[in-house]
C-alpha atoms as a PDB file:
ATOM      1  CA  MET A   1     105.762 112.902  88.984  1.00  0.00           C
ATOM      2  CA  ASN A   2     108.864 112.117  86.925  1.00  0.00           C
ATOM      3  CA  PHE A   3     112.353 111.756  88.386  1.00  0.00           C
ATOM      4  CA  GLU A   4     113.509 115.255  87.437  1.00  0.00           C
ATOM      5  CA  GLU A   5     110.522 116.750  89.258  1.00  0.00           C
ATOM      6  CA  TYR A   6     111.265 114.535  92.253  1.00  0.00           C
ATOM      7  CA  LYS A   7     114.905 115.674  92.345  1.00  0.00           C
ATOM      8  CA  SER A   8     113.805 119.317  92.423  1.00  0.00           C
ATOM      9  CA  LEU A   9     111.826 118.834  95.649  1.00  0.00           C
ATOM     10  CA  ASN A  10     113.590 120.542  98.540  1.00  0.00           C
ATOM     11  CA  ALA A  11     113.387 117.787 101.141  1.00  0.00           C
ATOM     12  CA  ILE A  12     115.467 115.150 102.896  1.00  0.00           C
ATOM     13  CA  ASN A  13     115.667 111.824 101.055  1.00  0.00           C
ATOM     14  CA  ALA A  14     117.116 108.397 101.755  1.00  0.00           C
ATOM     15  CA  SER A  15     120.269 108.965  99.679  1.00  0.00           C
ATOM     16  CA  PHE A  16     121.222 111.982 101.780  1.00  0.00           C
ATOM     17  CA  LEU A  17     120.545 110.047 104.978  1.00  0.00           C
ATOM     18  CA  LYS A  18     122.693 107.146 103.783  1.00  0.00           C
ATOM     19  CA  ALA A  19     125.540 109.590 103.177  1.00  0.00           C
ATOM     20  CA  CYS A  20     125.025 111.110 106.630  1.00  0.00           C
ATOM     21  CA  ALA A  21     125.267 107.626 108.153  1.00  0.00           C
ATOM     22  CA  ASN A  22     128.944 107.840 107.160  1.00  0.00           C
ATOM     23  CA  GLY A  23     129.394 111.084 109.090  1.00  0.00           C
ATOM     24  CA  GLU A  24     129.096 114.851 108.700  1.00  0.00           C
ATOM     25  CA  TYR A  25     131.917 115.019 106.140  1.00  0.00           C
ATOM     26  CA  ALA A  26     130.237 112.508 103.816  1.00  0.00           C
ATOM     27  CA  GLY A  27     126.873 114.201 104.241  1.00  0.00           C
ATOM     28  CA  PHE A  28     128.300 117.640 103.398  1.00  0.00           C
ATOM     29  CA  LYS A  29     130.092 116.274 100.330  1.00  0.00           C
ATOM     30  CA  TYR A  30     126.852 114.668  99.146  1.00  0.00           C
ATOM     31  CA  LEU A  31     125.057 118.011  99.286  1.00  0.00           C
ATOM     32  CA  HIS A  32     127.747 120.242  97.826  1.00  0.00           C
ATOM     33  CA  GLU A  33     129.825 118.230  95.365  1.00  0.00           C
ATOM     34  CA  PRO A  34     128.688 116.656  92.081  1.00  0.00           C
ATOM     35  CA  ARG A  35     128.825 112.880  92.098  1.00  0.00           C
ATOM     36  CA  THR A  36     130.222 110.891  89.192  1.00  0.00           C
ATOM     37  CA  PRO A  37     128.498 107.482  88.932  1.00  0.00           C
ATOM     38  CA  SER A  38     130.841 104.498  88.993  1.00  0.00           C
ATOM     39  CA  PRO A  39     130.616 101.784  86.300  1.00  0.00           C
ATOM     40  CA  ALA A  40     128.856  99.560  88.855  1.00  0.00           C
ATOM     41  CA  MET A  41     126.309 102.297  89.557  1.00  0.00           C
ATOM     42  CA  ASN A  42     125.707 102.782  85.831  1.00  0.00           C
ATOM     43  CA  LEU A  43     125.077  99.057  85.413  1.00  0.00           C
ATOM     44  CA  GLY A  44     122.722  99.144  88.397  1.00  0.00           C
ATOM     45  CA  THR A  45     120.797 102.024  86.831  1.00  0.00           C
ATOM     46  CA  ALA A  46     120.543 100.129  83.541  1.00  0.00           C
ATOM     47  CA  ILE A  47     119.184  97.061  85.371  1.00  0.00           C
ATOM     48  CA  HIS A  48     116.750  99.252  87.278  1.00  0.00           C
ATOM     49  CA  THR A  49     115.502 100.815  84.035  1.00  0.00           C
ATOM     50  CA  ALA A  50     115.181  97.450  82.279  1.00  0.00           C
ATOM     51  CA  LEU A  51     113.039  96.014  85.080  1.00  0.00           C
ATOM     52  CA  LEU A  52     110.969  99.025  86.120  1.00  0.00           C
ATOM     53  CA  GLU A  53     110.820 101.270  83.059  1.00  0.00           C
ATOM     54  CA  PRO A  54     111.684  99.137  80.016  1.00  0.00           C
ATOM     55  CA  HIS A  55     109.907 101.617  77.736  1.00  0.00           C
ATOM     56  CA  LEU A  56     112.643 104.152  78.610  1.00  0.00           C
ATOM     57  CA  PHE A  57     115.591 101.806  78.144  1.00  0.00           C
ATOM     58  CA  ASP A  58     116.516 102.753  74.574  1.00  0.00           C
ATOM     59  CA  SER A  59     116.233 106.479  75.255  1.00  0.00           C
ATOM     60  CA  GLN A  60     118.350 106.356  78.428  1.00  0.00           C
ATOM     61  CA  ILE A  61     120.800 103.482  77.918  1.00  0.00           C
ATOM     62  CA  ALA A  62     123.318 103.021  75.083  1.00  0.00           C
ATOM     63  CA  VAL A  63     124.919  99.646  74.361  1.00  0.00           C
ATOM     64  CA  GLN A  64     128.433 100.002  72.976  1.00  0.00           C
ATOM     65  CA  LYS A  65     129.687  97.269  70.672  1.00  0.00           C
ATOM     66  CA  LYS A  66     133.244  96.024  70.877  1.00  0.00           C
ATOM     67  CA  VAL A  67     135.078  97.161  67.762  1.00  0.00           C
ATOM     68  CA  ASP A  68     138.653  97.567  66.595  1.00  0.00           C
ATOM     69  CA  GLY A  69     139.245 101.279  66.977  1.00  0.00           C
ATOM     70  CA  ARG A  70     142.224 101.104  64.628  1.00  0.00           C
ATOM     71  CA  THR A  71     140.136 100.286  61.576  1.00  0.00           C
ATOM     72  CA  ILE A  72     138.177 102.713  59.428  1.00  0.00           C
ATOM     73  CA  GLU A  73     134.938 100.938  60.320  1.00  0.00           C
ATOM     74  CA  GLY A  74     135.823 100.940  64.004  1.00  0.00           C
ATOM     75  CA  LYS A  75     136.667 104.627  64.035  1.00  0.00           C
ATOM     76  CA  ALA A  76     133.453 105.465  62.183  1.00  0.00           C
ATOM     77  CA  TYR A  77     131.373 103.438  64.654  1.00  0.00           C
ATOM     78  CA  THR A  78     133.085 105.018  67.666  1.00  0.00           C
ATOM     79  CA  LYS A  79     132.440 108.506  66.333  1.00  0.00           C
ATOM     80  CA  ALA A  80     128.806 107.785  65.495  1.00  0.00           C
ATOM     81  CA  PHE A  81     128.224 106.108  68.863  1.00  0.00           C
ATOM     82  CA  ALA A  82     129.641 109.099  70.738  1.00  0.00           C
ATOM     83  CA  GLU A  83     127.316 111.428  68.843  1.00  0.00           C
ATOM     84  CA  THR A  84     124.172 109.358  69.397  1.00  0.00           C
ATOM     85  CA  SER A  85     124.774 108.409  73.037  1.00  0.00           C
ATOM     86  CA  VAL A  86     125.203 111.883  74.522  1.00  0.00           C
ATOM     87  CA  GLY A  87     123.460 112.057  77.885  1.00  0.00           C
ATOM     88  CA  LYS A  88     122.871 108.303  78.017  1.00  0.00           C
ATOM     89  CA  ILE A  89     124.308 105.697  80.370  1.00  0.00           C
ATOM     90  CA  ILE A  90     126.742 103.524  78.448  1.00  0.00           C
ATOM     91  CA  ILE A  91     127.059  99.779  78.938  1.00  0.00           C
ATOM     92  CA  ASP A  92     128.845  97.146  76.899  1.00  0.00           C
ATOM     93  CA  GLU A  93     127.426  94.123  75.081  1.00  0.00           C
ATOM     94  CA  GLN A  94     128.369  91.706  77.846  1.00  0.00           C
ATOM     95  CA  GLN A  95     126.528  93.796  80.415  1.00  0.00           C
ATOM     96  CA  PHE A  96     123.538  94.011  78.083  1.00  0.00           C
ATOM     97  CA  GLU A  97     123.412  90.218  77.900  1.00  0.00           C
ATOM     98  CA  ILE A  98     123.456  90.032  81.709  1.00  0.00           C
ATOM     99  CA  ILE A  99     120.571  92.512  81.849  1.00  0.00           C
ATOM    100  CA  LYS A 100     118.529  90.423  79.407  1.00  0.00           C
ATOM    101  CA  LYS A 101     119.223  87.339  81.521  1.00  0.00           C
ATOM    102  CA  ILE A 102     118.111  89.203  84.657  1.00  0.00           C
ATOM    103  CA  GLN A 103     114.880  90.180  82.908  1.00  0.00           C
ATOM    104  CA  GLU A 104     114.235  86.567  81.884  1.00  0.00           C
ATOM    105  CA  ASN A 105     115.010  85.192  85.343  1.00  0.00           C
ATOM    106  CA  ALA A 106     112.808  87.803  87.006  1.00  0.00           C
ATOM    107  CA  MET A 107     109.847  86.728  84.886  1.00  0.00           C
ATOM    108  CA  GLU A 108     110.462  83.082  85.824  1.00  0.00           C
ATOM    109  CA  HIS A 109     110.798  83.851  89.561  1.00  0.00           C
ATOM    110  CA  GLN A 110     107.306  83.995  91.028  1.00  0.00           C
ATOM    111  CA  GLY A 111     108.235  86.335  93.864  1.00  0.00           C
ATOM    112  CA  ALA A 112     110.080  88.746  91.579  1.00  0.00           C
ATOM    113  CA  LYS A 113     107.294  88.629  88.990  1.00  0.00           C
ATOM    114  CA  THR A 114     104.736  89.502  91.674  1.00  0.00           C
ATOM    115  CA  LEU A 115     106.772  92.448  92.943  1.00  0.00           C
ATOM    116  CA  LEU A 116     107.287  93.797  89.427  1.00  0.00           C
ATOM    117  CA  GLY A 117     103.518  93.936  89.036  1.00  0.00           C
ATOM    118  CA  TYR A 118     103.218  96.554  91.797  1.00  0.00           C
ATOM    119  CA  ASN A 119     103.083 100.323  91.312  1.00  0.00           C
ATOM    120  CA  LYS A 120     106.471 101.579  90.118  1.00  0.00           C
ATOM    121  CA  GLU A 121     108.512 104.724  90.837  1.00  0.00           C
ATOM    122  CA  VAL A 122     106.068 106.184  93.343  1.00  0.00           C
ATOM    123  CA  THR A 123     106.894 109.525  94.990  1.00  0.00           C
ATOM    124  CA  PHE A 124     105.920 110.369  98.580  1.00  0.00           C
ATOM    125  CA  GLN A 125     106.190 113.684 100.434  1.00  0.00           C
ATOM    126  CA  TRP A 126     105.581 114.263 104.138  1.00  0.00           C
ATOM    127  CA  SER A 127     106.611 116.392 107.092  1.00  0.00           C
ATOM    128  CA  ASN A 128     107.818 115.453 110.569  1.00  0.00           C
ATOM    129  CA  GLU A 129     109.637 117.060 113.496  1.00  0.00           C
ATOM    130  CA  PHE A 130     112.832 117.229 111.423  1.00  0.00           C
ATOM    131  CA  GLY A 131     111.324 119.030 108.422  1.00  0.00           C
ATOM    132  CA  GLU A 132     110.254 118.190 104.877  1.00  0.00           C
ATOM    133  CA  MET A 133     110.842 114.627 103.671  1.00  0.00           C
ATOM    134  CA  LYS A 134     110.634 112.870 100.325  1.00  0.00           C
ATOM    135  CA  ALA A 135     111.042 109.357  98.968  1.00  0.00           C
ATOM    136  CA  ARG A 136     110.750 107.644  95.604  1.00  0.00           C
ATOM    137  CA  LEU A 137     109.975 103.964  95.944  1.00  0.00           C
ATOM    138  CA  ASP A 138     110.790 101.415  93.254  1.00  0.00           C
ATOM    139  CA  LEU A 139     107.815  99.163  93.943  1.00  0.00           C
ATOM    140  CA  VAL A 140     104.787  99.648  96.175  1.00  0.00           C
ATOM    141  CA  HIS A 141     101.812  97.345  96.691  1.00  0.00           C
ATOM    142  CA  PRO A 142      98.577  99.103  95.618  1.00  0.00           C
ATOM    143  CA  GLU A 143      97.282  98.918  99.182  1.00  0.00           C
ATOM    144  CA  LEU A 144     100.657 100.016 100.646  1.00  0.00           C
ATOM    145  CA  ALA A 145     101.029  96.665 102.375  1.00  0.00           C
ATOM    146  CA  GLU A 146     104.396  95.872 100.787  1.00  0.00           C
ATOM    147  CA  LEU A 147     107.331  97.795  99.381  1.00  0.00           C
ATOM    148  CA  ALA A 148     110.364  96.647  97.445  1.00  0.00           C
ATOM    149  CA  ASP A 149     113.566  97.943  95.916  1.00  0.00           C
ATOM    150  CA  VAL A 150     115.726  96.632  93.085  1.00  0.00           C
ATOM    151  CA  LYS A 151     119.369  96.183  94.081  1.00  0.00           C
ATOM    152  CA  SER A 152     122.272  94.830  92.045  1.00  0.00           C
ATOM    153  CA  ALA A 153     125.437  93.182  93.361  1.00  0.00           C
ATOM    154  CA  ASP A 154     128.272  90.948  92.204  1.00  0.00           C
ATOM    155  CA  ASP A 155     127.240  88.395  94.818  1.00  0.00           C
ATOM    156  CA  CYS A 156     123.631  88.100  95.990  1.00  0.00           C
ATOM    157  CA  SER A 157     124.164  85.161  98.345  1.00  0.00           C
ATOM    158  CA  PRO A 158     122.611  85.754 101.798  1.00  0.00           C
ATOM    159  CA  LYS A 159     125.883  86.357 103.669  1.00  0.00           C
ATOM    160  CA  ALA A 160     127.305  88.715 101.050  1.00  0.00           C
ATOM    161  CA  PHE A 161     124.011  90.534 100.562  1.00  0.00           C
ATOM    162  CA  ILE A 162     123.450  91.183 104.265  1.00  0.00           C
ATOM    163  CA  LYS A 163     126.941  92.678 104.486  1.00  0.00           C
ATOM    164  CA  GLN A 164     126.223  94.961 101.542  1.00  0.00           C
ATOM    165  CA  LEU A 165     122.820  95.856 102.981  1.00  0.00           C
ATOM    166  CA  ILE A 166     124.406  97.064 106.232  1.00  0.00           C
ATOM    167  CA  ASP A 167     127.542  98.622 104.694  1.00  0.00           C
ATOM    168  CA  LEU A 168     125.587 100.616 102.095  1.00  0.00           C
ATOM    169  CA  HIS A 169     122.822 101.508 104.564  1.00  0.00           C
ATOM    170  CA  TYR A 170     119.912  99.923 102.721  1.00  0.00           C
ATOM    171  CA  ASP A 171     118.396  99.465 106.188  1.00  0.00           C
ATOM    172  CA  ILE A 172     118.203 103.246 106.592  1.00  0.00           C
ATOM    173  CA  GLN A 173     116.721 103.559 103.108  1.00  0.00           C
ATOM    174  CA  PHE A 174     113.951 101.076 103.835  1.00  0.00           C
ATOM    175  CA  PHE A 175     113.134 102.578 107.237  1.00  0.00           C
ATOM    176  CA  HIS A 176     112.774 105.951 105.492  1.00  0.00           C
ATOM    177  CA  TYR A 177     110.463 104.303 102.961  1.00  0.00           C
ATOM    178  CA  HIS A 178     108.430 102.783 105.778  1.00  0.00           C
ATOM    179  CA  LEU A 179     107.931 106.268 107.245  1.00  0.00           C
ATOM    180  CA  ALA A 180     106.953 107.563 103.802  1.00  0.00           C
ATOM    181  CA  LEU A 181     103.914 105.302 103.746  1.00  0.00           C
ATOM    182  CA  GLN A 182     102.635 106.909 106.954  1.00  0.00           C
ATOM    183  CA  GLN A 183     100.901 103.724 108.019  1.00  0.00           C
ATOM    184  CA  VAL A 184     100.224 102.470 111.524  1.00  0.00           C
ATOM    185  CA  PHE A 185     101.221  98.958 110.487  1.00  0.00           C
ATOM    186  CA  GLN A 186     104.660  98.011 109.206  1.00  0.00           C
ATOM    187  CA  PRO A 187     104.644  97.080 105.506  1.00  0.00           C
ATOM    188  CA  TYR A 188     106.540  94.007 104.396  1.00  0.00           C
ATOM    189  CA  CYS A 189     109.936  94.990 102.996  1.00  0.00           C
ATOM    190  CA  PHE A 190     111.475  93.107 100.081  1.00  0.00           C
ATOM    191  CA  VAL A 191     114.648  93.419  98.044  1.00  0.00           C
ATOM    192  CA  LEU A 192     114.823  92.107  94.489  1.00  0.00           C
ATOM    193  CA  GLY A 193     118.503  91.220  94.233  1.00  0.00           C
ATOM    194  CA  CYS A 194     120.062  91.059  90.763  1.00  0.00           C
ATOM    195  CA  GLU A 195     123.435  89.344  90.477  1.00  0.00           C
ATOM    196  CA  THR A 196     125.596  91.147  87.938  1.00  0.00           C
ATOM    197  CA  LYS A 197     127.994  88.258  87.370  1.00  0.00           C
ATOM    198  CA  THR A 198     125.451  85.541  86.613  1.00  0.00           C
ATOM    199  CA  GLY A 199     122.153  87.272  85.868  1.00  0.00           C
ATOM    200  CA  GLU A 200     120.454  85.310  88.654  1.00  0.00           C
ATOM    201  CA  VAL A 201     117.777  86.973  90.787  1.00  0.00           C
ATOM    202  CA  VAL A 202     116.622  86.472  94.361  1.00  0.00           C
ATOM    203  CA  VAL A 203     113.952  88.028  96.593  1.00  0.00           C
ATOM    204  CA  TYR A 204     114.748  88.687 100.245  1.00  0.00           C
ATOM    205  CA  ASN A 205     112.369  89.732 102.989  1.00  0.00           C
ATOM    206  CA  ILE A 206     114.301  92.123 105.262  1.00  0.00           C
ATOM    207  CA  ASP A 207     111.634  93.012 107.854  1.00  0.00           C
ATOM    208  CA  GLN A 208     113.735  91.741 110.762  1.00  0.00           C
ATOM    209  CA  ILE A 209     116.556  94.088 109.755  1.00  0.00           C
ATOM    210  CA  VAL A 210     114.482  97.153 108.828  1.00  0.00           C
ATOM    211  CA  TYR A 211     112.369  97.159 111.989  1.00  0.00           C
ATOM    212  CA  SER A 212     115.156  96.266 114.420  1.00  0.00           C
ATOM    213  CA  GLU A 213     116.217  98.622 117.218  1.00  0.00           C
ATOM    214  CA  TYR A 214     119.630  98.723 115.540  1.00  0.00           C
ATOM    215  CA  THR A 215     118.174 100.223 112.355  1.00  0.00           C
ATOM    216  CA  LYS A 216     115.849 102.614 114.194  1.00  0.00           C
ATOM    217  CA  ASN A 217     118.779 104.001 116.200  1.00  0.00           C
ATOM    218  CA  LYS A 218     120.962 104.134 113.093  1.00  0.00           C
ATOM    219  CA  TYR A 219     118.249 106.038 111.215  1.00  0.00           C
ATOM    220  CA  LEU A 220     117.762 108.542 114.035  1.00  0.00           C
ATOM    221  CA  LYS A 221     121.502 109.184 114.251  1.00  0.00           C
ATOM    222  CA  ALA A 222     121.695 109.698 110.465  1.00  0.00           C
ATOM    223  CA  MET A 223     118.743 112.114 110.634  1.00  0.00           C
ATOM    224  CA  GLN A 224     120.358 114.112 113.436  1.00  0.00           C
ATOM    225  CA  THR A 225     123.565 114.299 111.403  1.00  0.00           C
ATOM    226  CA  ALA A 226     121.567 115.433 108.357  1.00  0.00           C
ATOM    227  CA  ILE A 227     120.039 118.331 110.305  1.00  0.00           C
ATOM    228  CA  LEU A 228     123.506 119.411 111.444  1.00  0.00           C
ATOM    229  CA  VAL A 229     124.886 119.191 107.912  1.00  0.00           C
ATOM    230  CA  LEU A 230     122.040 121.256 106.473  1.00  0.00           C
ATOM    231  CA  GLY A 231     123.070 124.096 108.778  1.00  0.00           C
ATOM    232  CA  MET A 232     126.776 123.967 107.916  1.00  0.00           C
ATOM    233  CA  LYS A 233     128.395 126.604 105.716  1.00  0.00           C
ATOM    234  CA  GLU A 234     131.839 124.983 105.592  1.00  0.00           C
ATOM    235  CA  CYS A 235     132.891 121.398 105.067  1.00  0.00           C
ATOM    236  CA  PRO A 236     133.762 119.694 108.374  1.00  0.00           C
ATOM    237  CA  LYS A 237     136.976 117.766 108.902  1.00  0.00           C
ATOM    238  CA  LYS A 238     136.878 114.236 107.573  1.00  0.00           C
ATOM    239  CA  TYR A 239     138.474 112.691 110.657  1.00  0.00           C
ATOM    240  CA  ASP A 240     138.181 113.295 114.389  1.00  0.00           C
ATOM    241  CA  GLN A 241     140.799 115.807 115.496  1.00  0.00           C
ATOM    242  CA  ASP A 242     141.582 113.895 118.700  1.00  0.00           C
ATOM    243  CA  VAL A 243     143.802 110.837 118.947  1.00  0.00           C
ATOM    244  CA  ILE A 244     141.866 107.721 117.947  1.00  0.00           C
ATOM    245  CA  ALA A 245     142.600 104.399 119.650  1.00  0.00           C
ATOM    246  CA  LEU A 246     142.309 101.405 117.324  1.00  0.00           C
ATOM    247  CA  GLU A 247     141.308  97.970 118.593  1.00  0.00           C
ATOM    248  CA  LEU A 248     141.731  94.489 117.240  1.00  0.00           C
ATOM    249  CA  PRO A 249     138.716  93.669 115.037  1.00  0.00           C
ATOM    250  CA  ASN A 250     136.429  90.808 116.062  1.00  0.00           C
ATOM    251  CA  TRP A 251     137.449  88.632 113.131  1.00  0.00           C
ATOM    252  CA  ILE A 252     141.033  88.592 114.512  1.00  0.00           C
ATOM    253  CA  LYS A 253     139.910  87.989 118.081  1.00  0.00           C
ATOM    254  CA  GLU A 254     137.905  85.002 116.931  1.00  0.00           C
END
């Protein structure tokens, strides 16, 4: 099943649940408003394609050269590039060099190389008490014993990556993937982190986060919010309509 076919499936996926983890307003906006990818998201998609589907890179990604748009040659290049890159994700030459470095480092990193040998872009469909579910996993061990996802970040150091993992709800995403496998045992969960500033790569095992009570409760709350959002006809208010009491954050108290 290709990605377009996957998108057409009418089922709850991890992206929707991650939006719902930010509240009913964010979940409703995810469902009903088109999303414009940020430059960082476009770079992440290009990295994802280079590692998982390199045969599609040239047809989906366009590398724009830096030219002087004031010159005849520069104007001609800009016009030709615009015509030939319609529908593609556009990155610049510097980003392309980072992607090539990430590819090289991934092949030299034994853990990353092993993960990249697994089945890629695998779609799962299942049903549970909440309804129809779907998931598309980056990397899955042939025997479903391990799963992995490619993530990009400016800083892939442990402290920074854990913060991003929690803030962007990767924990919810991986718990959803775990349920997709429909296994009695818990598969090992890995993240292949790609640092967009240096081109370095790292592999993290995140089992202790994914299978924690914190993540399970967070996932259930996001799922309950998703069910509410699916039944809404109007966008809810972004903020609570009661008075909200703010407290000193822990980093100040410390």
